[in-house]
Protein backbone atom coordinates (compact mmCIF):
# COMPACT_ATOMS: atom_id res chain seq x y z
CA UNK A 1 0.00 0.00 0.00
CA UNK A 2 2.95 2.32 -0.50
CA UNK A 3 2.22 5.33 -2.73
CA UNK A 4 4.46 4.02 -5.54
CA UNK A 5 2.06 1.09 -6.03
CA UNK A 6 -0.64 3.61 -7.03
CA UNK A 7 -3.40 1.58 -5.40
CA UNK A 8 -5.26 4.79 -4.65
CA UNK A 9 -5.47 5.47 -8.38
CA UNK A 10 -6.86 1.97 -8.92
CA UNK A 11 -9.53 2.61 -6.29
CA UNK A 12 -10.48 5.92 -7.91
CA UNK A 13 -10.65 4.16 -11.29
CA UNK A 14 -13.15 1.66 -9.88
CA UNK A 15 -15.19 4.54 -8.50
CA UNK A 16 -15.17 6.26 -11.91
CA UNK A 17 -16.31 3.06 -13.62
CA UNK A 18 -19.18 2.56 -11.21
CA UNK A 19 -20.30 6.19 -11.45
CA UNK A 20 -20.45 5.72 -15.22
CA UNK A 21 -22.63 2.62 -14.89
CA UNK A 22 -19.94 -0.04 -15.34
CA UNK A 23 -20.55 -2.71 -12.71
CA UNK A 24 -17.28 -3.97 -11.28
CA UNK A 25 -15.65 -4.80 -7.98
CA UNK A 26 -12.05 -4.84 -6.83
CA UNK A 27 -10.04 -7.41 -4.94
CA UNK A 28 -7.10 -5.72 -3.21
CA UNK A 29 -4.18 -7.93 -2.23
CA UNK A 30 -1.89 -5.86 -0.05
CA UNK A 31 0.37 -6.04 2.97
CA UNK A 32 -1.76 -4.04 5.39
CA UNK A 33 -5.10 -2.52 4.46
CA UNK A 34 -5.01 -0.23 7.52
CA UNK A 35 -1.32 0.64 7.53
CA UNK A 36 0.17 4.01 6.80
CA UNK A 37 3.74 2.98 7.54
CA UNK A 38 6.57 4.21 5.31
CA UNK A 39 4.24 6.91 4.04
CA UNK A 40 1.78 4.34 2.75
CA UNK A 41 -1.86 5.03 2.02
CA UNK A 42 -4.50 3.96 4.52
CA UNK A 43 -6.55 2.10 1.93
CA UNK A 44 -9.46 1.35 4.25
CA UNK A 45 -9.99 5.06 4.80
CA UNK A 46 -9.76 5.75 1.05
CA UNK A 47 -12.30 3.00 0.34
CA UNK A 48 -14.65 4.53 2.89
CA UNK A 49 -14.21 8.06 1.51
CA UNK A 50 -14.98 6.80 -2.01
CA UNK A 51 -18.03 4.91 -0.70
CA UNK A 52 -16.72 1.63 -2.11
CA UNK A 53 -17.08 -0.56 0.99
CA UNK A 54 -19.46 -2.93 -0.79
CA UNK A 55 -17.30 -3.09 -3.92
CA UNK A 56 -13.82 -3.75 -2.52
CA UNK A 57 -12.67 -7.03 -0.99
CA UNK A 58 -9.31 -6.73 0.76
CA UNK A 59 -7.06 -9.75 1.05
CA UNK A 60 -3.93 -9.28 3.14
CA UNK A 61 -0.73 -11.28 2.70
CA UNK A 62 -1.25 -13.16 5.96
CA UNK A 63 -4.81 -14.29 5.22
CA UNK A 64 -3.84 -17.80 4.08
CA UNK A 65 -4.02 -19.96 7.23
CA UNK A 66 -1.81 -22.79 5.94
CA UNK A 67 1.59 -21.94 4.46
CA UNK A 68 1.72 -25.31 2.67
CA UNK A 69 -1.28 -24.34 0.52
CA UNK A 70 -0.35 -20.67 0.04
CA UNK A 71 0.49 -21.17 -3.65
CA UNK A 72 -2.88 -22.64 -4.59
CA UNK A 73 -4.62 -20.12 -2.32
CA UNK A 74 -3.07 -17.20 -4.24
CA UNK A 75 -3.82 -18.88 -7.59
CA UNK A 76 -7.48 -19.23 -6.61
CA UNK A 77 -7.62 -15.53 -5.74
CA UNK A 78 -6.08 -14.58 -9.09
CA UNK A 79 -8.40 -16.87 -11.08
CA UNK A 80 -11.42 -15.27 -9.40
CA UNK A 81 -10.53 -11.98 -11.12
CA UNK A 82 -11.29 -10.86 -14.69
CA UNK A 83 -8.05 -8.88 -14.90
CA UNK A 84 -5.11 -7.81 -12.76
CA UNK A 85 -3.82 -4.24 -12.49
CA UNK A 86 -0.13 -3.84 -11.59
CA UNK A 87 0.58 -0.14 -11.96
CA UNK A 88 3.56 0.93 -9.84
CA UNK A 89 5.36 4.18 -10.53
CA UNK A 90 8.57 2.16 -10.32
CA UNK A 91 10.02 -0.94 -8.71
CA UNK A 92 7.31 -3.30 -9.92
CA UNK A 93 7.03 -6.90 -8.73
CA UNK A 94 7.20 -8.99 -11.90
CA UNK A 95 6.38 -12.33 -10.26
CA UNK A 96 2.76 -11.36 -9.65
CA UNK A 97 2.34 -10.41 -13.31
CA UNK A 98 3.65 -13.77 -14.47
CA UNK A 99 1.46 -15.57 -11.91
CA UNK A 100 -1.60 -13.83 -13.36
CA UNK A 101 -0.59 -14.76 -16.91
CA UNK A 102 -0.09 -18.38 -15.84
CA UNK A 103 -3.63 -18.32 -14.40
CA UNK A 104 -5.06 -17.07 -17.70
CA UNK A 105 -5.86 -13.61 -16.33
CA UNK A 106 -5.15 -10.52 -18.49
CA UNK A 107 -2.79 -8.00 -16.89
CA UNK A 108 -2.75 -4.20 -17.09
CA UNK A 109 0.72 -2.87 -16.32
CA UNK A 110 3.06 0.10 -16.47
CA UNK A 111 6.23 -0.08 -18.54
CA UNK A 112 8.36 -0.29 -15.43
CA UNK A 113 11.66 -1.83 -16.54
CA UNK A 114 11.32 -5.15 -14.72
CA UNK A 115 7.69 -5.67 -15.72
CA UNK A 116 8.40 -4.66 -19.33
CA UNK A 117 11.24 -7.17 -19.53
CA UNK A 118 9.12 -9.91 -17.97
CA UNK A 119 6.24 -9.57 -20.46
CA UNK A 120 7.94 -8.27 -23.61
CA UNK A 121 9.06 -11.65 -24.96
CA UNK A 122 5.63 -12.69 -26.23
CA UNK A 123 3.51 -9.83 -24.93
CA UNK A 124 0.29 -10.57 -23.15
CA UNK A 125 -0.05 -7.26 -21.32
CA UNK A 126 -2.15 -4.13 -21.73
CA UNK A 127 0.23 -1.22 -21.20
CA UNK A 128 -1.13 1.77 -19.33
CA UNK A 129 -0.07 5.15 -20.74
CA UNK A 130 1.42 7.41 -18.06
CA UNK A 131 0.04 10.88 -17.49
CA UNK A 132 3.50 11.87 -16.25
CA UNK A 133 6.89 10.25 -16.75
CA UNK A 134 10.20 11.22 -15.17
CA UNK A 135 13.40 9.86 -13.68
CA UNK A 136 13.85 9.72 -9.92
CA UNK A 137 16.97 10.98 -8.14
CA UNK A 138 18.27 7.39 -8.13
CA UNK A 139 17.85 7.14 -11.90
CA UNK A 140 14.76 4.93 -11.83
CA UNK A 141 11.95 5.49 -14.32
CA UNK A 142 8.68 6.65 -12.77
CA UNK A 143 5.29 6.21 -14.43
CA UNK A 144 2.37 8.14 -12.93
CA UNK A 145 -0.91 6.69 -14.16
CA UNK A 146 -4.17 8.64 -14.07
CA UNK A 147 -7.23 6.79 -12.68
CA UNK A 148 -9.05 7.49 -15.96
CA UNK A 149 -6.36 5.54 -17.87
CA UNK A 150 -6.76 2.56 -15.53
CA UNK A 151 -10.55 2.73 -15.90
CA UNK A 152 -10.19 2.84 -19.69
CA UNK A 153 -7.90 -0.19 -19.65
CA UNK A 154 -10.18 -2.25 -17.42
CA UNK A 155 -13.17 -1.46 -19.61
CA UNK A 156 -11.25 -2.28 -22.81
CA UNK A 157 -10.05 -5.65 -21.51
CA UNK A 158 -13.54 -6.51 -20.26
CA UNK A 159 -15.57 -5.39 -23.30
CA UNK A 160 -13.21 -6.21 -26.20
CA UNK A 161 -13.43 -9.98 -26.53
CA UNK A 162 -10.71 -10.21 -29.18
CA UNK A 163 -8.30 -8.15 -27.07
CA UNK A 164 -9.07 -10.20 -23.98
CA UNK A 165 -8.54 -13.49 -25.82
CA UNK A 166 -5.24 -12.32 -27.31
CA UNK A 167 -3.96 -11.15 -23.93
CA UNK A 168 -4.85 -14.47 -22.33
CA UNK A 169 -3.25 -16.51 -25.12
CA UNK A 170 -0.06 -14.45 -25.23
CA UNK A 171 0.11 -14.30 -21.45
CA UNK A 172 -0.07 -18.08 -21.09
CA UNK A 173 2.67 -18.46 -23.71
CA UNK A 174 4.84 -15.91 -21.92
CA UNK A 175 4.34 -17.51 -18.49
CA UNK A 176 5.23 -20.91 -19.92
CA UNK A 177 8.76 -19.65 -20.59
CA UNK A 178 9.38 -19.26 -16.86
CA UNK A 179 10.22 -22.73 -15.59
CA UNK A 180 11.73 -22.59 -12.09
CA UNK A 181 13.44 -25.99 -12.16
CA UNK A 182 14.88 -25.37 -15.63
CA UNK A 183 16.22 -21.98 -14.62
CA UNK A 184 17.71 -23.39 -11.42
CA UNK A 185 19.55 -25.99 -13.52
CA UNK A 186 20.82 -23.33 -15.93
CA UNK A 187 21.98 -21.16 -13.03
CA UNK A 188 23.78 -24.11 -11.45
CA UNK A 189 25.62 -24.79 -14.72
CA UNK A 190 26.62 -21.13 -15.08
CA UNK A 191 27.82 -20.99 -11.48
CA UNK A 192 29.82 -24.23 -11.89
CA UNK A 193 31.43 -22.84 -15.05
CA UNK A 194 32.43 -19.63 -13.24
CA UNK A 195 33.90 -21.59 -10.34
CA UNK A 196 35.82 -23.87 -12.69
CA UNK A 197 37.27 -20.89 -14.54
CA UNK A 198 38.38 -19.42 -11.23
CA UNK A 199 40.31 -22.62 -10.49
CA UNK A 200 41.97 -22.74 -13.92
């Protein structure tokens, strides 16, 4: 719920959609719905101010009671959604995007470097156009997305059947390239080669 995740903009987008007669609800998966630590947004207060209490279901990271089933629990949450919005200004978490693609759920994302690299091989993502773009003092790219752009993307993915189908198909193909065991084997071979060269 830190400001860079732009969850407040997502909430405002849902409000805009509902005001314009588009029936939708939002499932928020966040660390702490009440927290304002590290300058984070108190999302529960924002939900209340936007009068979205009946339209937002919050799922916190610790809600899964059994760690051994956490993977399937998260997959079930993702599959219950019609699309996933991952719109950080910077420092995006690519794993969640790939999880959504693997579950056959279209993703709406910013062109944050890590996310762009994760999805650019085959595509499978609806890219949100930033209202403002700049570089931070650390040199990171920052994409500020307007709520209206998020609302437009959600509506497009929901109403355009051809777009939705293409995003699902390309997303599944992209996610299939990420094989944990295969990558662990490749990494082990690279590491062994480096160690062997060091001994030469």
